[in-house]
Amino acid sequence: MLRNGAAGGGGGSAATNRPVRVWCDGCYDMVHYGHSNQLRQARAMGDYLIVGVHTDDDITLTVDGKDTYEEVKTAGRYRECKRTQGVSTTDLVGRMLLMTKAHHSNIDEDLDCRKHTDNFGKGPKGRSPWTGVSQFLQTSQKIIQFASGKEPQPGDTIIYVAGAFDLFHIGHVDFLEKVHQLAEKPYIIAGLHFDQEVNRYKGKNYPIMNIHERTLSVLACRYVSEVVIGAPYAVTADLLDHFRVTLVCHGMTEVVPDKDGSDPYQEPKRRGIFQLVDSGSNLTTDLIVQRIIKNRLEFEARNQKKEAKELAVLEAMRRLEEEKH
């Protein structure tokens, strides 16, 4: 049994050679790299991972206030996994609603903005360590944990895709899956544009996730073999030659001209290696943001309710510890 910040496993053993089946569950609302990290750790605990998606809040208690995972814990089939610091759905929603750029890389953070983001949807009785906002700090170890570590092999078709890949969602996954199907042995390299470049062609306070966060989100996708962090907006001859790219793909979204008015895909088009790919999905980052803004009051109420429940769990846990002593 596994949950975000906690894990559980069960099933087989080395003695019986039965596969170990791991279960984890959660809301997985607006899936981000924190969720991906939980699933990565869960998968490493066994041979087969099953994921359950809730219809409502993360932390759940029975009617009489007991932990719903008490039976699993008593059976010794509950495991803890490390929670990913610095990311939460609450934080991402706050960035959308506050329309600030404080989360962008290379921009001095506005402390007042961070305070407002942290207070988004927070209940009157304090802050939960699960729903509250904390600062994300990128490390080389985080990148290694998410990276595939695979090098291109002879016979691989090296495919390059580029973009913001902001709030990495099912539309991105569908696109990458379609790209992956274009070759028998695809090796997909995703180029991620720096925050300032994304803001230039997207405007407002985009990207919602900064370059470091977007890197982990894309690396977590099974179809991606490598990520170029801070790729140039124009797909240049140098880039194509360096990675020995044989195909360049773009989705059906608008291609904004480069700063000088030129087509960023001019070089791959000249070489005859450019291809448009229809993901079949109409979900975009803009659509997600519009949903959040439209349902602002509902999200605030959801977060307040969620945090109140989490604080109740903390209080119950505290009381149990006191009773033991």
C-alpha atoms as a PDB file:
ATOM      1  CA  MET A   1       0.000   0.000   0.000  1.00  0.00           C
ATOM      2  CA  LEU A   2       1.448   3.390  -0.965  1.00  0.00           C
ATOM      3  CA  ARG A   3       0.275   6.980  -0.779  1.00  0.00           C
ATOM      4  CA  ASN A   4       1.910  10.316  -1.566  1.00  0.00           C
ATOM      5  CA  GLY A   5       4.484  10.604   1.193  1.00  0.00           C
ATOM      6  CA  ALA A   6       3.649   7.085   2.326  1.00  0.00           C
ATOM      7  CA  ALA A   7       3.804   3.718   0.677  1.00  0.00           C
ATOM      8  CA  GLY A   8       2.550   0.221   0.977  1.00  0.00           C
ATOM      9  CA  GLY A   9       3.367  -2.978  -0.748  1.00  0.00           C
ATOM     10  CA  GLY A  10       2.371  -6.547  -0.630  1.00  0.00           C
ATOM     11  CA  GLY A  11       1.926  -9.638  -2.648  1.00  0.00           C
ATOM     12  CA  GLY A  12       4.912 -11.858  -3.155  1.00  0.00           C
ATOM     13  CA  SER A  13       8.171 -12.736  -1.558  1.00  0.00           C
ATOM     14  CA  ALA A  14      11.609 -13.918  -2.608  1.00  0.00           C
ATOM     15  CA  ALA A  15      10.822 -17.369  -1.181  1.00  0.00           C
ATOM     16  CA  THR A  16       7.762 -17.936  -3.410  1.00  0.00           C
ATOM     17  CA  ASN A  17       9.043 -15.952  -6.423  1.00  0.00           C
ATOM     18  CA  ARG A  18       5.612 -14.391  -6.701  1.00  0.00           C
ATOM     19  CA  PRO A  19       5.572 -10.859  -8.167  1.00  0.00           C
ATOM     20  CA  VAL A  20       5.238  -8.052  -5.620  1.00  0.00           C
ATOM     21  CA  ARG A  21       2.167  -5.978  -6.434  1.00  0.00           C
ATOM     22  CA  VAL A  22       2.178  -2.414  -5.105  1.00  0.00           C
ATOM     23  CA  TRP A  23      -0.898  -0.228  -4.650  1.00  0.00           C
ATOM     24  CA  CYS A  24      -0.879   3.550  -4.281  1.00  0.00           C
ATOM     25  CA  ASP A  25      -3.680   6.080  -4.466  1.00  0.00           C
ATOM     26  CA  GLY A  26      -4.393   9.782  -4.390  1.00  0.00           C
ATOM     27  CA  CYS A  27      -6.223  12.646  -6.110  1.00  0.00           C
ATOM     28  CA  TYR A  28      -3.487  13.210  -8.713  1.00  0.00           C
ATOM     29  CA  ASP A  29      -5.179  16.500  -9.473  1.00  0.00           C
ATOM     30  CA  MET A  30      -3.263  18.332 -12.220  1.00  0.00           C
ATOM     31  CA  VAL A  31      -0.519  15.691 -12.274  1.00  0.00           C
ATOM     32  CA  HIS A  32       2.990  17.110 -11.751  1.00  0.00           C
ATOM     33  CA  TYR A  33       6.513  15.773 -11.202  1.00  0.00           C
ATOM     34  CA  GLY A  34       5.821  15.323  -7.474  1.00  0.00           C
ATOM     35  CA  HIS A  35       3.224  12.722  -8.406  1.00  0.00           C
ATOM     36  CA  SER A  36       5.638  11.207 -10.923  1.00  0.00           C
ATOM     37  CA  ASN A  37       8.290  10.916  -8.234  1.00  0.00           C
ATOM     38  CA  GLN A  38       5.863   9.120  -5.932  1.00  0.00           C
ATOM     39  CA  LEU A  39       4.966   6.639  -8.671  1.00  0.00           C
ATOM     40  CA  ARG A  40       8.651   6.165  -9.514  1.00  0.00           C
ATOM     41  CA  GLN A  41       9.415   5.260  -5.901  1.00  0.00           C
ATOM     42  CA  ALA A  42       6.338   3.035  -5.706  1.00  0.00           C
ATOM     43  CA  ARG A  43       7.331   1.124  -8.830  1.00  0.00           C
ATOM     44  CA  ALA A  44      10.791   0.502  -7.356  1.00  0.00           C
ATOM     45  CA  MET A  45       9.195  -1.223  -4.348  1.00  0.00           C
ATOM     46  CA  GLY A  46       7.782  -4.103  -6.375  1.00  0.00           C
ATOM     47  CA  ASP A  47       7.155  -5.678  -9.763  1.00  0.00           C
ATOM     48  CA  TYR A  48       3.667  -4.450 -10.620  1.00  0.00           C
ATOM     49  CA  LEU A  49       2.165  -1.058  -9.769  1.00  0.00           C
ATOM     50  CA  ILE A  50      -1.569  -0.360  -9.472  1.00  0.00           C
ATOM     51  CA  VAL A  51      -2.701   3.265  -9.040  1.00  0.00           C
ATOM     52  CA  GLY A  52      -6.074   4.297  -7.615  1.00  0.00           C
ATOM     53  CA  VAL A  53      -7.494   7.766  -8.334  1.00  0.00           C
ATOM     54  CA  HIS A  54      -9.738   9.379  -5.695  1.00  0.00           C
ATOM     55  CA  THR A  55     -12.779  11.509  -6.427  1.00  0.00           C
ATOM     56  CA  ASP A  56     -11.898  13.902  -3.548  1.00  0.00           C
ATOM     57  CA  ASP A  57      -9.346  14.753  -0.851  1.00  0.00           C
ATOM     58  CA  ASP A  58      -5.909  13.132  -0.341  1.00  0.00           C
ATOM     59  CA  ILE A  59      -6.045  12.379   3.382  1.00  0.00           C
ATOM     60  CA  THR A  60      -9.021  10.271   4.412  1.00  0.00           C
ATOM     61  CA  LEU A  61     -10.415   9.136   7.755  1.00  0.00           C
ATOM     62  CA  THR A  62     -13.238   6.789   8.618  1.00  0.00           C
ATOM     63  CA  VAL A  63     -16.428   8.120  10.224  1.00  0.00           C
ATOM     64  CA  ASP A  64     -15.039   7.395  13.705  1.00  0.00           C
ATOM     65  CA  GLY A  65     -11.812   9.239  12.938  1.00  0.00           C
ATOM     66  CA  LYS A  66      -9.577   6.227  12.293  1.00  0.00           C
ATOM     67  CA  ASP A  67      -6.916   6.072   9.601  1.00  0.00           C
ATOM     68  CA  THR A  68      -8.392   4.290   6.567  1.00  0.00           C
ATOM     69  CA  TYR A  69      -5.058   2.514   6.114  1.00  0.00           C
ATOM     70  CA  GLU A  70      -4.992   1.166   9.655  1.00  0.00           C
ATOM     71  CA  GLU A  71      -5.754  -2.408   8.537  1.00  0.00           C
ATOM     72  CA  VAL A  72      -2.935  -2.357   5.999  1.00  0.00           C
ATOM     73  CA  LYS A  73      -0.516  -0.959   8.549  1.00  0.00           C
ATOM     74  CA  THR A  74      -1.516  -3.603  11.109  1.00  0.00           C
ATOM     75  CA  ALA A  75      -0.826  -6.307   8.509  1.00  0.00           C
ATOM     76  CA  GLY A  76       2.682  -4.916   8.023  1.00  0.00           C
ATOM     77  CA  ARG A  77       2.088  -4.078   4.371  1.00  0.00           C
ATOM     78  CA  TYR A  78       2.415  -0.294   4.584  1.00  0.00           C
ATOM     79  CA  ARG A  79       5.572   1.499   3.409  1.00  0.00           C
ATOM     80  CA  GLU A  80       6.743   5.103   3.472  1.00  0.00           C
ATOM     81  CA  CYS A  81       8.229   6.899   0.483  1.00  0.00           C
ATOM     82  CA  LYS A  82       9.908  10.288   0.400  1.00  0.00           C
ATOM     83  CA  ARG A  83       7.664  13.245  -0.437  1.00  0.00           C
ATOM     84  CA  THR A  84       8.848  15.636  -3.159  1.00  0.00           C
ATOM     85  CA  GLN A  85       9.401  19.060  -1.622  1.00  0.00           C
ATOM     86  CA  GLY A  86       8.672  22.303  -3.426  1.00  0.00           C
ATOM     87  CA  VAL A  87       5.663  21.333  -5.537  1.00  0.00           C
ATOM     88  CA  SER A  88       1.943  21.012  -4.910  1.00  0.00           C
ATOM     89  CA  THR A  89      -1.260  21.470  -6.867  1.00  0.00           C
ATOM     90  CA  THR A  90      -2.068  24.331  -4.486  1.00  0.00           C
ATOM     91  CA  ASP A  91       1.113  26.175  -5.460  1.00  0.00           C
ATOM     92  CA  LEU A  92       0.489  25.738  -9.194  1.00  0.00           C
ATOM     93  CA  VAL A  93      -3.110  26.945  -8.883  1.00  0.00           C
ATOM     94  CA  GLY A  94      -1.905  29.965  -6.919  1.00  0.00           C
ATOM     95  CA  ARG A  95       0.550  30.886  -9.681  1.00  0.00           C
ATOM     96  CA  MET A  96      -2.241  30.821 -12.263  1.00  0.00           C
ATOM     97  CA  LEU A  97      -4.603  32.956 -10.225  1.00  0.00           C
ATOM     98  CA  LEU A  98      -2.085  35.527  -8.978  1.00  0.00           C
ATOM     99  CA  MET A  99      -0.700  36.080 -12.506  1.00  0.00           C
ATOM    100  CA  THR A 100       2.852  36.731 -11.267  1.00  0.00           C
ATOM    101  CA  LYS A 101       6.245  35.753 -12.691  1.00  0.00           C
ATOM    102  CA  ALA A 102       7.981  35.222  -9.353  1.00  0.00           C
ATOM    103  CA  HIS A 103       8.273  31.487 -10.036  1.00  0.00           C
ATOM    104  CA  HIS A 104      10.296  32.003 -13.225  1.00  0.00           C
ATOM    105  CA  SER A 105      14.009  31.179 -13.127  1.00  0.00           C
ATOM    106  CA  ASN A 106      16.453  34.111 -12.946  1.00  0.00           C
ATOM    107  CA  ILE A 107      13.783  36.408 -11.518  1.00  0.00           C
ATOM    108  CA  ASP A 108      14.075  37.759  -7.990  1.00  0.00           C
ATOM    109  CA  GLU A 109      11.233  36.322  -5.971  1.00  0.00           C
ATOM    110  CA  ASP A 110       8.725  38.740  -4.537  1.00  0.00           C
ATOM    111  CA  LEU A 111       8.285  37.777  -0.883  1.00  0.00           C
ATOM    112  CA  ASP A 112       4.848  39.358  -0.724  1.00  0.00           C
ATOM    113  CA  CYS A 113       3.785  37.295  -3.742  1.00  0.00           C
ATOM    114  CA  ARG A 114       5.092  34.110  -2.107  1.00  0.00           C
ATOM    115  CA  LYS A 115       3.098  34.960   1.033  1.00  0.00           C
ATOM    116  CA  HIS A 116      -0.098  35.349  -1.008  1.00  0.00           C
ATOM    117  CA  THR A 117       0.569  32.114  -2.896  1.00  0.00           C
ATOM    118  CA  ASP A 118       1.140  30.297   0.379  1.00  0.00           C
ATOM    119  CA  ASN A 119      -2.122  31.656   1.772  1.00  0.00           C
ATOM    120  CA  PHE A 120      -4.138  30.557  -1.264  1.00  0.00           C
ATOM    121  CA  GLY A 121      -7.057  28.504  -0.030  1.00  0.00           C
ATOM    122  CA  LYS A 122      -5.504  28.148   3.432  1.00  0.00           C
ATOM    123  CA  GLY A 123      -7.834  27.531   6.320  1.00  0.00           C
ATOM    124  CA  PRO A 124      -8.016  29.739   9.425  1.00  0.00           C
ATOM    125  CA  LYS A 125      -6.426  27.169  11.755  1.00  0.00           C
ATOM    126  CA  GLY A 126      -2.952  27.091  10.278  1.00  0.00           C
ATOM    127  CA  ARG A 127      -0.901  25.406   7.625  1.00  0.00           C
ATOM    128  CA  SER A 128      -0.734  21.741   6.691  1.00  0.00           C
ATOM    129  CA  PRO A 129       2.704  20.412   5.671  1.00  0.00           C
ATOM    130  CA  TRP A 130       1.023  18.578   2.783  1.00  0.00           C
ATOM    131  CA  THR A 131      -1.121  21.316   1.205  1.00  0.00           C
ATOM    132  CA  GLY A 132       1.180  24.239   2.077  1.00  0.00           C
ATOM    133  CA  VAL A 133       3.691  25.718  -0.359  1.00  0.00           C
ATOM    134  CA  SER A 134       7.436  25.180  -0.076  1.00  0.00           C
ATOM    135  CA  GLN A 135      10.328  26.249  -2.290  1.00  0.00           C
ATOM    136  CA  PHE A 136      11.531  23.922  -5.024  1.00  0.00           C
ATOM    137  CA  LEU A 137      15.292  23.466  -5.241  1.00  0.00           C
ATOM    138  CA  GLN A 138      16.670  21.661  -8.272  1.00  0.00           C
ATOM    139  CA  THR A 139      19.537  19.221  -7.698  1.00  0.00           C
ATOM    140  CA  SER A 140      21.547  16.966  -9.980  1.00  0.00           C
ATOM    141  CA  GLN A 141      20.310  13.955  -8.010  1.00  0.00           C
ATOM    142  CA  LYS A 142      16.677  14.789  -8.833  1.00  0.00           C
ATOM    143  CA  ILE A 143      17.512  14.913 -12.535  1.00  0.00           C
ATOM    144  CA  ILE A 144      19.386  11.589 -12.343  1.00  0.00           C
ATOM    145  CA  GLN A 145      16.419   9.946 -10.622  1.00  0.00           C
ATOM    146  CA  PHE A 146      14.085  10.966 -13.444  1.00  0.00           C
ATOM    147  CA  ALA A 147      16.430  10.560 -16.414  1.00  0.00           C
ATOM    148  CA  SER A 148      16.359   7.388 -18.516  1.00  0.00           C
ATOM    149  CA  GLY A 149      20.151   7.310 -18.816  1.00  0.00           C
ATOM    150  CA  LYS A 150      19.817   5.777 -22.291  1.00  0.00           C
ATOM    151  CA  GLU A 151      22.177   6.752 -25.094  1.00  0.00           C
ATOM    152  CA  PRO A 152      21.075   6.550 -28.747  1.00  0.00           C
ATOM    153  CA  GLN A 153      21.952   3.188 -30.292  1.00  0.00           C
ATOM    154  CA  PRO A 154      22.810   2.261 -33.902  1.00  0.00           C
ATOM    155  CA  GLY A 155      19.596   2.036 -35.862  1.00  0.00           C
ATOM    156  CA  ASP A 156      17.709   4.477 -33.634  1.00  0.00           C
ATOM    157  CA  THR A 157      15.660   7.209 -35.274  1.00  0.00           C
ATOM    158  CA  ILE A 158      16.565  10.394 -33.418  1.00  0.00           C
ATOM    159  CA  ILE A 159      13.514  12.630 -33.241  1.00  0.00           C
ATOM    160  CA  TYR A 160      13.612  16.193 -31.914  1.00  0.00           C
ATOM    161  CA  VAL A 161      10.614  18.025 -30.470  1.00  0.00           C
ATOM    162  CA  ALA A 162      10.652  21.427 -28.794  1.00  0.00           C
ATOM    163  CA  GLY A 163       8.363  23.638 -26.763  1.00  0.00           C
ATOM    164  CA  ALA A 164       7.384  24.829 -23.308  1.00  0.00           C
ATOM    165  CA  PHE A 165       5.716  21.574 -22.169  1.00  0.00           C
ATOM    166  CA  ASP A 166       4.181  23.668 -19.407  1.00  0.00           C
ATOM    167  CA  LEU A 167       1.916  21.960 -16.836  1.00  0.00           C
ATOM    168  CA  PHE A 168       2.820  18.687 -18.563  1.00  0.00           C
ATOM    169  CA  HIS A 169      -0.557  17.104 -19.317  1.00  0.00           C
ATOM    170  CA  ILE A 170      -2.296  14.367 -21.307  1.00  0.00           C
ATOM    171  CA  GLY A 171      -2.187  16.495 -24.467  1.00  0.00           C
ATOM    172  CA  HIS A 172       1.623  16.459 -24.281  1.00  0.00           C
ATOM    173  CA  VAL A 173       1.647  12.728 -23.557  1.00  0.00           C
ATOM    174  CA  ASP A 174      -0.642  12.004 -26.530  1.00  0.00           C
ATOM    175  CA  PHE A 175       1.625  14.062 -28.795  1.00  0.00           C
ATOM    176  CA  LEU A 176       4.779  12.308 -27.621  1.00  0.00           C
ATOM    177  CA  GLU A 177       3.108   8.909 -27.969  1.00  0.00           C
ATOM    178  CA  LYS A 178       2.192   9.698 -31.593  1.00  0.00           C
ATOM    179  CA  VAL A 179       5.765  10.860 -32.252  1.00  0.00           C
ATOM    180  CA  HIS A 180       7.071   7.671 -30.640  1.00  0.00           C
ATOM    181  CA  GLN A 181       4.985   5.627 -33.080  1.00  0.00           C
ATOM    182  CA  LEU A 182       6.637   7.223 -36.109  1.00  0.00           C
ATOM    183  CA  ALA A 183       9.684   4.953 -35.925  1.00  0.00           C
ATOM    184  CA  GLU A 184      10.499   1.363 -35.084  1.00  0.00           C
ATOM    185  CA  LYS A 185      13.307   2.409 -32.729  1.00  0.00           C
ATOM    186  CA  PRO A 186      12.598   6.034 -31.737  1.00  0.00           C
ATOM    187  CA  TYR A 187      14.933   8.090 -29.559  1.00  0.00           C
ATOM    188  CA  ILE A 188      13.047  11.270 -28.662  1.00  0.00           C
ATOM    189  CA  ILE A 189      14.895  14.385 -27.568  1.00  0.00           C
ATOM    190  CA  ALA A 190      12.716  17.133 -26.072  1.00  0.00           C
ATOM    191  CA  GLY A 191      14.036  20.685 -26.181  1.00  0.00           C
ATOM    192  CA  LEU A 192      12.677  22.904 -23.390  1.00  0.00           C
ATOM    193  CA  HIS A 193      12.757  26.666 -23.861  1.00  0.00           C
ATOM    194  CA  PHE A 194      13.943  28.946 -21.061  1.00  0.00           C
ATOM    195  CA  ASP A 195      11.241  30.734 -19.041  1.00  0.00           C
ATOM    196  CA  GLN A 196      11.950  34.141 -20.602  1.00  0.00           C
ATOM    197  CA  GLU A 197      11.652  32.674 -24.108  1.00  0.00           C
ATOM    198  CA  VAL A 198       8.346  30.985 -23.274  1.00  0.00           C
ATOM    199  CA  ASN A 199       7.050  34.232 -21.798  1.00  0.00           C
ATOM    200  CA  ARG A 200       8.003  36.028 -25.007  1.00  0.00           C
ATOM    201  CA  TYR A 201       5.805  33.878 -27.223  1.00  0.00           C
ATOM    202  CA  LYS A 202       3.103  32.909 -24.691  1.00  0.00           C
ATOM    203  CA  GLY A 203       2.763  36.189 -22.766  1.00  0.00           C
ATOM    204  CA  LYS A 204       0.895  36.766 -19.467  1.00  0.00           C
ATOM    205  CA  ASN A 205       2.728  34.949 -16.664  1.00  0.00           C
ATOM    206  CA  TYR A 206       3.601  31.842 -18.674  1.00  0.00           C
ATOM    207  CA  PRO A 207       5.208  29.450 -18.120  1.00  0.00           C
ATOM    208  CA  ILE A 208       3.356  28.379 -14.964  1.00  0.00           C
ATOM    209  CA  MET A 209       6.166  25.924 -14.151  1.00  0.00           C
ATOM    210  CA  ASN A 210       9.760  27.092 -14.408  1.00  0.00           C
ATOM    211  CA  ILE A 211      12.458  25.423 -16.500  1.00  0.00           C
ATOM    212  CA  HIS A 212      13.659  23.188 -13.647  1.00  0.00           C
ATOM    213  CA  GLU A 213      10.156  21.922 -12.880  1.00  0.00           C
ATOM    214  CA  ARG A 214       9.318  21.392 -16.536  1.00  0.00           C
ATOM    215  CA  THR A 215      12.528  19.405 -16.989  1.00  0.00           C
ATOM    216  CA  LEU A 216      11.500  16.834 -14.369  1.00  0.00           C
ATOM    217  CA  SER A 217       7.951  16.641 -15.725  1.00  0.00           C
ATOM    218  CA  VAL A 218       9.149  15.812 -19.244  1.00  0.00           C
ATOM    219  CA  LEU A 219      11.886  13.438 -18.066  1.00  0.00           C
ATOM    220  CA  ALA A 220       9.198  11.455 -16.236  1.00  0.00           C
ATOM    221  CA  CYS A 221       7.499  10.636 -19.550  1.00  0.00           C
ATOM    222  CA  ARG A 222       8.316   7.144 -20.831  1.00  0.00           C
ATOM    223  CA  TYR A 223       8.492   8.314 -24.454  1.00  0.00           C
ATOM    224  CA  VAL A 224      11.281  10.848 -23.836  1.00  0.00           C
ATOM    225  CA  SER A 225      14.893   9.662 -23.863  1.00  0.00           C
ATOM    226  CA  GLU A 226      16.702  12.992 -23.412  1.00  0.00           C
ATOM    227  CA  VAL A 227      15.942  16.611 -22.560  1.00  0.00           C
ATOM    228  CA  VAL A 228      17.760  19.732 -23.725  1.00  0.00           C
ATOM    229  CA  ILE A 229      17.436  22.236 -20.888  1.00  0.00           C
ATOM    230  CA  GLY A 230      17.153  25.723 -22.326  1.00  0.00           C
ATOM    231  CA  ALA A 231      17.010  24.774 -25.996  1.00  0.00           C
ATOM    232  CA  PRO A 232      17.252  27.567 -28.580  1.00  0.00           C
ATOM    233  CA  TYR A 233      13.905  28.667 -29.961  1.00  0.00           C
ATOM    234  CA  ALA A 234      15.094  28.264 -33.542  1.00  0.00           C
ATOM    235  CA  VAL A 235      16.008  24.687 -34.452  1.00  0.00           C
ATOM    236  CA  THR A 236      19.443  25.414 -35.867  1.00  0.00           C
ATOM    237  CA  ALA A 237      21.795  23.450 -38.097  1.00  0.00           C
ATOM    238  CA  ASP A 238      24.228  23.163 -35.183  1.00  0.00           C
ATOM    239  CA  LEU A 239      21.561  21.574 -32.984  1.00  0.00           C
ATOM    240  CA  LEU A 240      20.482  19.122 -35.683  1.00  0.00           C
ATOM    241  CA  ASP A 241      24.067  18.105 -36.446  1.00  0.00           C
ATOM    242  CA  HIS A 242      25.101  17.855 -32.790  1.00  0.00           C
ATOM    243  CA  PHE A 243      22.326  15.406 -31.913  1.00  0.00           C
ATOM    244  CA  ARG A 244      22.303  13.733 -35.368  1.00  0.00           C
ATOM    245  CA  VAL A 245      18.576  14.433 -35.671  1.00  0.00           C
ATOM    246  CA  THR A 246      16.747  12.616 -38.457  1.00  0.00           C
ATOM    247  CA  LEU A 247      13.244  13.960 -37.816  1.00  0.00           C
ATOM    248  CA  VAL A 248      11.803  17.124 -36.227  1.00  0.00           C
ATOM    249  CA  CYS A 249       8.164  17.124 -35.093  1.00  0.00           C
ATOM    250  CA  HIS A 250       5.729  19.789 -33.941  1.00  0.00           C
ATOM    251  CA  GLY A 251       2.110  19.545 -32.824  1.00  0.00           C
ATOM    252  CA  MET A 252      -0.887  21.373 -34.263  1.00  0.00           C
ATOM    253  CA  THR A 253      -0.421  24.455 -32.054  1.00  0.00           C
ATOM    254  CA  GLU A 254       0.574  27.796 -33.533  1.00  0.00           C
ATOM    255  CA  VAL A 255       4.256  28.343 -34.321  1.00  0.00           C
ATOM    256  CA  VAL A 256       5.195  31.885 -33.257  1.00  0.00           C
ATOM    257  CA  PRO A 257       7.985  33.496 -35.336  1.00  0.00           C
ATOM    258  CA  ASP A 258      11.408  34.026 -33.776  1.00  0.00           C
ATOM    259  CA  LYS A 259      12.482  37.473 -32.539  1.00  0.00           C
ATOM    260  CA  ASP A 260      13.679  38.422 -36.030  1.00  0.00           C
ATOM    261  CA  GLY A 261      10.437  37.280 -37.622  1.00  0.00           C
ATOM    262  CA  SER A 262      11.894  34.076 -39.062  1.00  0.00           C
ATOM    263  CA  ASP A 263      10.385  30.587 -38.917  1.00  0.00           C
ATOM    264  CA  PRO A 264      12.017  28.651 -36.018  1.00  0.00           C
ATOM    265  CA  TYR A 265      11.649  25.444 -38.088  1.00  0.00           C
ATOM    266  CA  GLN A 266      13.197  26.914 -41.220  1.00  0.00           C
ATOM    267  CA  GLU A 267      16.300  24.662 -41.138  1.00  0.00           C
ATOM    268  CA  PRO A 268      14.571  21.288 -40.611  1.00  0.00           C
ATOM    269  CA  LYS A 269      12.039  22.253 -43.313  1.00  0.00           C
ATOM    270  CA  ARG A 270      14.919  23.059 -45.684  1.00  0.00           C
ATOM    271  CA  ARG A 271      16.384  19.598 -44.991  1.00  0.00           C
ATOM    272  CA  GLY A 272      13.003  17.928 -45.532  1.00  0.00           C
ATOM    273  CA  ILE A 273      12.908  16.411 -42.031  1.00  0.00           C
ATOM    274  CA  PHE A 274      10.047  18.445 -40.513  1.00  0.00           C
ATOM    275  CA  GLN A 275       6.685  16.824 -39.757  1.00  0.00           C
ATOM    276  CA  LEU A 276       3.476  18.047 -38.127  1.00  0.00           C
ATOM    277  CA  VAL A 277       1.911  15.534 -35.731  1.00  0.00           C
ATOM    278  CA  ASP A 278      -1.718  15.621 -34.608  1.00  0.00           C
ATOM    279  CA  SER A 279      -1.998  14.367 -31.019  1.00  0.00           C
ATOM    280  CA  GLY A 280      -5.752  13.884 -31.331  1.00  0.00           C
ATOM    281  CA  SER A 281      -6.175  15.774 -28.042  1.00  0.00           C
ATOM    282  CA  ASN A 282      -7.707  19.222 -27.662  1.00  0.00           C
ATOM    283  CA  LEU A 283      -6.326  19.768 -24.151  1.00  0.00           C
ATOM    284  CA  THR A 284      -3.841  22.629 -23.870  1.00  0.00           C
ATOM    285  CA  THR A 285      -2.104  24.453 -21.038  1.00  0.00           C
ATOM    286  CA  ASP A 286      -4.272  27.512 -21.802  1.00  0.00           C
ATOM    287  CA  LEU A 287      -7.429  25.435 -21.375  1.00  0.00           C
ATOM    288  CA  ILE A 288      -6.278  24.129 -17.984  1.00  0.00           C
ATOM    289  CA  VAL A 289      -5.549  27.671 -16.779  1.00  0.00           C
ATOM    290  CA  GLN A 290      -8.952  28.865 -18.007  1.00  0.00           C
ATOM    291  CA  ARG A 291     -10.636  26.063 -16.038  1.00  0.00           C
ATOM    292  CA  ILE A 292      -8.782  27.071 -12.870  1.00  0.00           C
ATOM    293  CA  ILE A 293      -9.656  30.761 -13.218  1.00  0.00           C
ATOM    294  CA  LYS A 294     -13.294  29.967 -13.961  1.00  0.00           C
ATOM    295  CA  ASN A 295     -13.564  27.766 -10.872  1.00  0.00           C
ATOM    296  CA  ARG A 296     -11.448  29.867  -8.508  1.00  0.00           C
ATOM    297  CA  LEU A 297     -13.897  29.875  -5.588  1.00  0.00           C
ATOM    298  CA  GLU A 298     -14.406  26.120  -5.896  1.00  0.00           C
ATOM    299  CA  PHE A 299     -10.633  25.518  -5.775  1.00  0.00           C
ATOM    300  CA  GLU A 300     -10.200  27.794  -2.760  1.00  0.00           C
ATOM    301  CA  ALA A 301     -12.967  25.945  -0.895  1.00  0.00           C
ATOM    302  CA  ARG A 302     -11.448  22.609  -1.924  1.00  0.00           C
ATOM    303  CA  ASN A 303      -8.036  23.589  -0.566  1.00  0.00           C
ATOM    304  CA  GLN A 304      -9.453  24.905   2.707  1.00  0.00           C
ATOM    305  CA  LYS A 305     -11.446  21.713   3.225  1.00  0.00           C
ATOM    306  CA  LYS A 306      -8.434  19.562   2.309  1.00  0.00           C
ATOM    307  CA  GLU A 307      -6.104  21.420   4.661  1.00  0.00           C
ATOM    308  CA  ALA A 308      -8.613  21.260   7.533  1.00  0.00           C
ATOM    309  CA  LYS A 309      -8.814  17.494   7.108  1.00  0.00           C
ATOM    310  CA  GLU A 310      -5.015  17.194   7.014  1.00  0.00           C
ATOM    311  CA  LEU A 311      -4.679  19.241  10.212  1.00  0.00           C
ATOM    312  CA  ALA A 312      -7.249  16.954  11.854  1.00  0.00           C
ATOM    313  CA  VAL A 313      -5.101  13.967  10.871  1.00  0.00           C
ATOM    314  CA  LEU A 314      -2.015  15.599  12.374  1.00  0.00           C
ATOM    315  CA  GLU A 315      -3.881  16.239  15.614  1.00  0.00           C
ATOM    316  CA  ALA A 316      -5.124  12.628  15.716  1.00  0.00           C
ATOM    317  CA  MET A 317      -1.576  11.358  15.126  1.00  0.00           C
ATOM    318  CA  ARG A 318      -0.295  13.612  17.912  1.00  0.00           C
ATOM    319  CA  ARG A 319      -2.882  12.263  20.332  1.00  0.00           C
ATOM    320  CA  LEU A 320      -2.008   8.667  19.449  1.00  0.00           C
ATOM    321  CA  GLU A 321       1.658   9.341  20.148  1.00  0.00           C
ATOM    322  CA  GLU A 322       0.787  10.868  23.525  1.00  0.00           C
ATOM    323  CA  GLU A 323      -1.326   7.834  24.434  1.00  0.00           C
ATOM    324  CA  LYS A 324       1.591   5.504  23.642  1.00  0.00           C
ATOM    325  CA  HIS A 325       3.788   7.355  26.117  1.00  0.00           C
END
